[in-house]
Amino acid sequence: MGLLASPTLRLFIGAALISLSPVWVKLVSVSPTTSGFYRVLIGGVVLSAYLLITGQRLQLGKRAWRMLLLAGVFFALDLWFWHRSINFIGPGLSTLLANFQVFIMTAFGMVVLREAPRPAQIVAIPLALVGLAMIVGLDWSGLAADYRLGVVFGLATAVVYAGYLLSMRSARQGSPHRVPSREIAIISMASAAMLGLSALLEGESLAIPGIGDASWLLAYGILSHSLGMMFIASSLPHVTTTQAGLALLLQPTLSFVWDVLFFARAMTTQEVAGALIALFAIYLGSRRGSKDLKSVRQ
């Protein structure tokens, strides 16, 4: 396995691959729903082939199946909102907003699980809001309608992504397998079914216009979804919480970098400062000592 035997290297390679997800979405000419459909369909087929090759069986209890199907619904909604946010406000900001899921998870822990928040988490929430205000500006009504909708879709992504993570966590309770390859494969195929149905209801075509779009979608499904998610999933049980937290920051940071490099996004000093503050807040909010998949945006 060479260098990839290092879980730390797999973690950061996985985060880098997933950071390219919004780039593929921005490059393709198909609808946001269609690009989401092909991400999980291609990724699901690749992961299913991996399960067959490695001889892993889908021997799961009824409760696990129910929670995985629920996770599939949440993940389909995640891609539905996120892809539209990417088109409206760009890869960088949309991915940053999606990572606000750490605050949704904190709120869930406080309200539902009656967990006392740590001081750092209490500080993180207003910090994130300050950072967001610095990026989008304080004059909300003065922003373009599409831009405002992109921000709303980005925050909606954070909410449904938290639902996905909670469902995944519940499905994996008591699982003897450290790497959730079976679970991710099932969720991928369930999400593909949901997004395919959504595309039909929206009147969107699932046809791929040409070789260029097919290439971007293959890269999205294989590199970002299959390899990115599996690299991260296989490494998290073997790395420190600090390393997982840094990987959490790497993905939205690189998405901003790709936004600037590939799509010529102009950023003012205030926007850069706001992004850094928001990233720091996400890092603080994610410091809960857990090594499961909640730590890294997928």
Protein backbone atom coordinates (compact mmCIF):
# COMPACT_ATOMS: atom_id res chain seq x y z
CA MET A 1 0.00 0.00 0.00
CA GLY A 2 3.09 2.22 0.25
CA LEU A 3 2.57 5.76 1.42
CA LEU A 4 -1.19 5.17 1.70
CA ALA A 5 -0.49 2.85 4.63
CA SER A 6 -0.24 6.03 6.71
CA PRO A 7 -3.69 6.88 8.11
CA THR A 8 -2.70 10.54 8.48
CA LEU A 9 -1.79 10.75 4.80
CA ARG A 10 -5.05 9.01 3.81
CA LEU A 11 -6.99 11.45 5.97
CA PHE A 12 -5.56 14.55 4.30
CA ILE A 13 -5.65 13.07 0.79
CA GLY A 14 -9.30 12.20 1.38
CA ALA A 15 -10.07 15.74 2.58
CA ALA A 16 -8.30 17.18 -0.47
CA LEU A 17 -10.25 14.91 -2.85
CA ILE A 18 -13.56 15.82 -1.23
CA SER A 19 -12.65 19.52 -1.42
CA LEU A 20 -12.87 19.14 -5.21
CA SER A 21 -16.55 18.12 -5.02
CA PRO A 22 -17.96 21.63 -5.60
CA VAL A 23 -15.48 22.14 -8.44
CA TRP A 24 -16.96 19.21 -10.38
CA VAL A 25 -20.46 20.57 -9.73
CA LYS A 26 -19.48 23.98 -11.05
CA LEU A 27 -17.79 22.54 -14.14
CA VAL A 28 -20.58 20.29 -15.41
CA SER A 29 -23.42 21.62 -17.53
CA VAL A 30 -26.08 19.29 -16.12
CA SER A 31 -28.61 20.36 -13.47
CA PRO A 32 -27.68 20.33 -9.76
CA THR A 33 -29.97 17.36 -9.14
CA THR A 34 -28.49 15.40 -12.06
CA SER A 35 -24.90 15.98 -10.93
CA GLY A 36 -25.84 14.81 -7.43
CA PHE A 37 -27.49 11.72 -8.92
CA TYR A 38 -24.36 10.73 -10.83
CA ARG A 39 -22.08 11.41 -7.86
CA VAL A 40 -23.84 8.87 -5.65
CA LEU A 41 -24.71 6.46 -8.46
CA ILE A 42 -21.14 6.21 -9.74
CA GLY A 43 -19.76 6.22 -6.21
CA GLY A 44 -22.29 3.63 -5.10
CA VAL A 45 -21.44 1.29 -7.99
CA VAL A 46 -17.71 1.59 -7.26
CA LEU A 47 -18.25 0.92 -3.55
CA SER A 48 -20.56 -2.01 -4.31
CA ALA A 49 -17.87 -3.51 -6.53
CA TYR A 50 -15.40 -3.07 -3.67
CA LEU A 51 -17.75 -4.96 -1.33
CA LEU A 52 -18.04 -7.82 -3.82
CA ILE A 53 -14.28 -8.03 -4.33
CA THR A 54 -13.57 -8.02 -0.59
CA GLY A 55 -16.39 -10.46 0.16
CA GLN A 56 -18.27 -8.18 2.54
CA ARG A 57 -21.92 -9.08 3.05
CA LEU A 58 -24.85 -6.76 3.79
CA GLN A 59 -25.84 -8.57 6.96
CA LEU A 60 -27.47 -5.74 8.87
CA GLY A 61 -30.34 -5.64 11.33
CA LYS A 62 -33.73 -4.10 10.50
CA ARG A 63 -33.02 -1.04 12.61
CA ALA A 64 -29.70 -0.45 10.85
CA TRP A 65 -31.41 -0.72 7.45
CA ARG A 66 -34.09 1.78 8.50
CA MET A 67 -31.52 4.28 9.74
CA LEU A 68 -29.37 3.85 6.63
CA LEU A 69 -32.35 4.50 4.36
CA LEU A 70 -33.13 7.60 6.43
CA ALA A 71 -29.49 8.64 6.08
CA GLY A 72 -29.85 8.17 2.33
CA VAL A 73 -32.80 10.57 2.29
CA PHE A 74 -30.83 13.14 4.29
CA PHE A 75 -27.79 12.78 2.04
CA ALA A 76 -29.94 13.23 -1.08
CA LEU A 77 -31.36 16.42 0.44
CA ASP A 78 -27.82 17.48 1.34
CA LEU A 79 -26.69 17.25 -2.28
CA TRP A 80 -29.92 18.85 -3.55
CA PHE A 81 -29.39 21.96 -1.40
CA TRP A 82 -25.59 22.06 -1.62
CA HIS A 83 -25.35 21.85 -5.41
CA ARG A 84 -27.74 24.77 -5.78
CA SER A 85 -25.79 26.73 -3.20
CA ILE A 86 -22.58 26.05 -5.16
CA ASN A 87 -24.12 27.45 -8.34
CA PHE A 88 -25.41 30.58 -6.59
CA ILE A 89 -22.51 31.56 -4.29
CA GLY A 90 -19.56 29.47 -5.43
CA PRO A 91 -17.66 26.42 -4.15
CA GLY A 92 -15.89 28.17 -1.27
CA LEU A 93 -18.73 29.84 0.63
CA SER A 94 -21.22 27.04 -0.03
CA THR A 95 -18.81 24.48 1.45
CA LEU A 96 -18.05 26.70 4.43
CA LEU A 97 -21.77 27.04 5.18
CA ALA A 98 -22.27 23.28 4.83
CA ASN A 99 -19.66 22.77 7.54
CA PHE A 100 -21.84 24.75 9.94
CA GLN A 101 -23.30 21.30 10.63
CA VAL A 102 -21.00 21.21 13.67
CA PHE A 103 -23.23 23.83 15.30
CA ILE A 104 -26.40 21.91 14.43
CA MET A 105 -24.82 18.85 16.04
CA THR A 106 -23.97 20.90 19.12
CA ALA A 107 -27.54 22.20 19.35
CA PHE A 108 -28.90 18.66 18.97
CA GLY A 109 -26.65 17.47 21.77
CA MET A 110 -27.82 20.28 24.04
CA VAL A 111 -31.56 20.09 23.34
CA VAL A 112 -32.17 16.38 22.67
CA LEU A 113 -29.33 14.57 24.43
CA ARG A 114 -29.10 17.07 27.30
CA GLU A 115 -25.35 17.39 26.82
CA ALA A 116 -23.70 20.37 28.44
CA PRO A 117 -21.78 22.36 25.82
CA ARG A 118 -18.12 23.08 26.40
CA PRO A 119 -17.01 26.72 26.72
CA ALA A 120 -15.25 26.52 23.35
CA GLN A 121 -18.49 25.45 21.66
CA ILE A 122 -20.39 28.33 23.23
CA VAL A 123 -17.78 30.76 21.90
CA ALA A 124 -17.73 29.10 18.47
CA ILE A 125 -21.34 29.87 17.51
CA PRO A 126 -21.20 33.70 17.74
CA LEU A 127 -17.73 33.60 16.16
CA ALA A 128 -19.14 31.71 13.17
CA LEU A 129 -21.94 34.25 12.81
CA VAL A 130 -19.45 37.12 12.92
CA GLY A 131 -17.34 35.43 10.25
CA LEU A 132 -20.38 34.81 8.07
CA ALA A 133 -21.49 38.45 8.43
CA MET A 134 -18.04 39.62 7.37
CA ILE A 135 -18.19 37.43 4.25
CA VAL A 136 -21.73 38.20 3.04
CA GLY A 137 -22.01 41.72 4.50
CA LEU A 138 -24.49 43.19 6.94
CA ASP A 139 -26.88 44.59 4.31
CA TRP A 140 -28.84 41.40 3.65
CA SER A 141 -31.55 43.17 1.66
CA GLY A 142 -28.92 44.70 -0.61
CA LEU A 143 -27.65 41.30 -1.77
CA ALA A 144 -28.81 39.78 -5.05
CA ALA A 145 -31.76 37.41 -4.72
CA ASP A 146 -29.77 34.44 -6.08
CA TYR A 147 -26.93 35.15 -3.64
CA ARG A 148 -29.32 35.24 -0.68
CA LEU A 149 -30.93 32.01 -1.86
CA GLY A 150 -27.47 30.44 -2.13
CA VAL A 151 -26.73 31.36 1.49
CA VAL A 152 -30.08 29.90 2.61
CA PHE A 153 -29.42 26.70 0.64
CA GLY A 154 -25.94 26.48 2.20
CA LEU A 155 -27.37 26.70 5.72
CA ALA A 156 -30.08 24.19 4.79
CA THR A 157 -27.28 21.87 3.68
CA ALA A 158 -25.77 22.10 7.15
CA VAL A 159 -29.10 21.10 8.75
CA VAL A 160 -29.76 18.04 6.58
CA TYR A 161 -26.11 16.99 6.69
CA ALA A 162 -26.36 16.92 10.48
CA GLY A 163 -29.42 14.68 10.04
CA TYR A 164 -27.36 12.39 7.82
CA LEU A 165 -24.56 12.18 10.38
CA LEU A 166 -26.94 11.44 13.24
CA SER A 167 -28.68 8.73 11.20
CA MET A 168 -25.34 7.21 10.20
CA ARG A 169 -24.18 7.22 13.82
CA SER A 170 -27.37 5.47 14.92
CA ALA A 171 -27.08 2.87 12.14
CA ARG A 172 -23.51 2.03 13.13
CA GLN A 173 -24.17 1.50 16.83
CA GLY A 174 -22.82 -1.90 17.75
CA SER A 175 -21.22 -2.47 14.34
CA PRO A 176 -18.09 -4.65 14.52
CA HIS A 177 -16.65 -3.00 11.38
CA ARG A 178 -14.45 0.06 11.91
CA VAL A 179 -14.76 1.26 8.31
CA PRO A 180 -18.38 1.91 7.19
CA SER A 181 -17.89 0.76 3.60
CA ARG A 182 -21.16 -1.20 3.58
CA GLU A 183 -23.09 1.70 5.08
CA ILE A 184 -21.70 4.26 2.63
CA ALA A 185 -22.49 1.98 -0.32
CA ILE A 186 -26.10 1.51 0.84
CA ILE A 187 -26.56 5.23 1.50
CA SER A 188 -25.09 6.06 -1.91
CA MET A 189 -27.53 3.83 -3.78
CA ALA A 190 -30.50 5.03 -1.69
CA SER A 191 -29.53 8.64 -2.38
CA ALA A 192 -29.19 7.89 -6.10
CA ALA A 193 -32.75 6.53 -6.15
CA MET A 194 -34.04 9.64 -4.35
CA LEU A 195 -32.19 12.08 -6.63
CA GLY A 196 -33.17 10.17 -9.76
CA LEU A 197 -36.83 10.41 -8.73
CA SER A 198 -36.37 14.09 -7.89
CA ALA A 199 -34.89 14.78 -11.33
CA LEU A 200 -37.88 13.13 -13.01
CA LEU A 201 -40.34 15.12 -10.88
CA GLU A 202 -38.47 18.33 -11.66
CA GLY A 203 -38.51 17.55 -15.37
CA GLU A 204 -34.69 17.44 -15.47
CA SER A 205 -32.94 15.17 -17.94
CA LEU A 206 -30.50 12.55 -16.68
CA ALA A 207 -28.75 12.54 -20.06
CA ILE A 208 -25.05 13.47 -20.04
CA PRO A 209 -24.41 16.03 -22.83
CA GLY A 210 -20.89 15.02 -23.82
CA ILE A 211 -17.48 13.54 -23.02
CA GLY A 212 -16.43 16.55 -20.97
CA ASP A 213 -19.40 16.32 -18.60
CA ALA A 214 -19.00 12.53 -18.38
CA SER A 215 -15.35 13.00 -17.37
CA TRP A 216 -16.19 15.52 -14.62
CA LEU A 217 -18.98 13.30 -13.28
CA LEU A 218 -16.70 10.25 -13.25
CA ALA A 219 -14.10 12.26 -11.34
CA TYR A 220 -16.80 13.40 -8.92
CA GLY A 221 -18.13 9.90 -8.29
CA ILE A 222 -14.81 8.04 -8.18
CA LEU A 223 -12.30 10.53 -6.76
CA SER A 224 -14.38 12.70 -4.45
CA HIS A 225 -17.13 10.31 -3.40
CA SER A 226 -15.63 6.80 -3.44
CA LEU A 227 -11.93 7.38 -2.77
CA GLY A 228 -12.31 10.56 -0.72
CA MET A 229 -14.92 9.13 1.63
CA MET A 230 -13.17 5.76 2.01
CA PHE A 231 -9.77 7.34 2.66
CA ILE A 232 -11.29 9.43 5.42
CA ALA A 233 -13.42 6.62 6.84
CA SER A 234 -10.45 4.23 6.98
CA SER A 235 -8.18 6.77 8.64
CA LEU A 236 -10.42 8.30 11.32
CA PRO A 237 -10.17 5.37 13.77
CA HIS A 238 -6.37 5.73 13.71
CA VAL A 239 -5.74 9.50 13.94
CA THR A 240 -5.95 12.02 16.74
CA THR A 241 -8.88 14.37 17.24
CA THR A 242 -6.58 17.27 16.38
CA GLN A 243 -5.70 15.70 13.04
CA ALA A 244 -9.38 15.07 12.31
CA GLY A 245 -10.12 18.70 13.19
CA LEU A 246 -7.41 19.93 10.84
CA ALA A 247 -8.85 17.78 8.06
CA LEU A 248 -12.22 19.40 8.77
CA LEU A 249 -10.62 22.79 8.11
CA LEU A 250 -8.66 21.64 5.08
CA GLN A 251 -11.70 20.81 2.98
CA PRO A 252 -13.56 24.18 3.04
CA THR A 253 -10.21 26.00 2.93
CA LEU A 254 -9.18 24.19 -0.24
CA SER A 255 -12.66 24.74 -1.69
CA PHE A 256 -12.08 28.48 -1.27
CA VAL A 257 -8.67 28.09 -2.93
CA TRP A 258 -10.18 26.23 -5.89
CA ASP A 259 -12.88 28.90 -6.13
CA VAL A 260 -10.22 31.61 -6.45
CA LEU A 261 -7.90 29.65 -8.77
CA PHE A 262 -10.41 28.00 -11.10
CA PHE A 263 -13.32 30.46 -11.09
CA ALA A 264 -11.53 33.76 -10.38
CA ARG A 265 -13.54 34.54 -7.25
CA ALA A 266 -12.56 37.98 -5.99
CA MET A 267 -12.17 38.23 -2.20
CA THR A 268 -11.72 41.39 -0.17
CA THR A 269 -9.59 41.57 2.97
CA GLN A 270 -12.79 41.58 5.04
CA GLU A 271 -14.08 38.43 3.33
CA VAL A 272 -10.76 36.62 3.88
CA ALA A 273 -10.80 37.63 7.55
CA GLY A 274 -14.42 36.48 7.87
CA ALA A 275 -13.60 33.12 6.28
CA LEU A 276 -10.69 32.61 8.68
CA ILE A 277 -12.87 33.46 11.68
CA ALA A 278 -15.61 31.09 10.50
CA LEU A 279 -13.07 28.30 9.93
CA PHE A 280 -11.65 28.78 13.41
CA ALA A 281 -15.19 28.66 14.83
CA ILE A 282 -15.86 25.40 12.98
CA TYR A 283 -12.67 23.96 14.43
CA LEU A 284 -13.69 24.97 17.96
CA GLY A 285 -17.19 23.60 17.47
CA SER A 286 -15.91 20.24 16.24
CA ARG A 287 -13.58 19.59 19.18
CA ARG A 288 -15.61 16.91 20.93
CA GLY A 289 -13.08 14.11 21.05
CA SER A 290 -14.93 11.91 18.58
CA LYS A 291 -13.33 10.11 15.65
CA ASP A 292 -16.42 9.22 13.71
CA LEU A 293 -17.56 10.63 10.37
CA LYS A 294 -19.13 13.73 11.85
CA SER A 295 -15.74 15.44 11.77
CA VAL A 296 -15.36 15.82 8.02
CA ARG A 297 -17.69 17.20 5.40
CA GLN A 298 -18.47 14.67 2.64
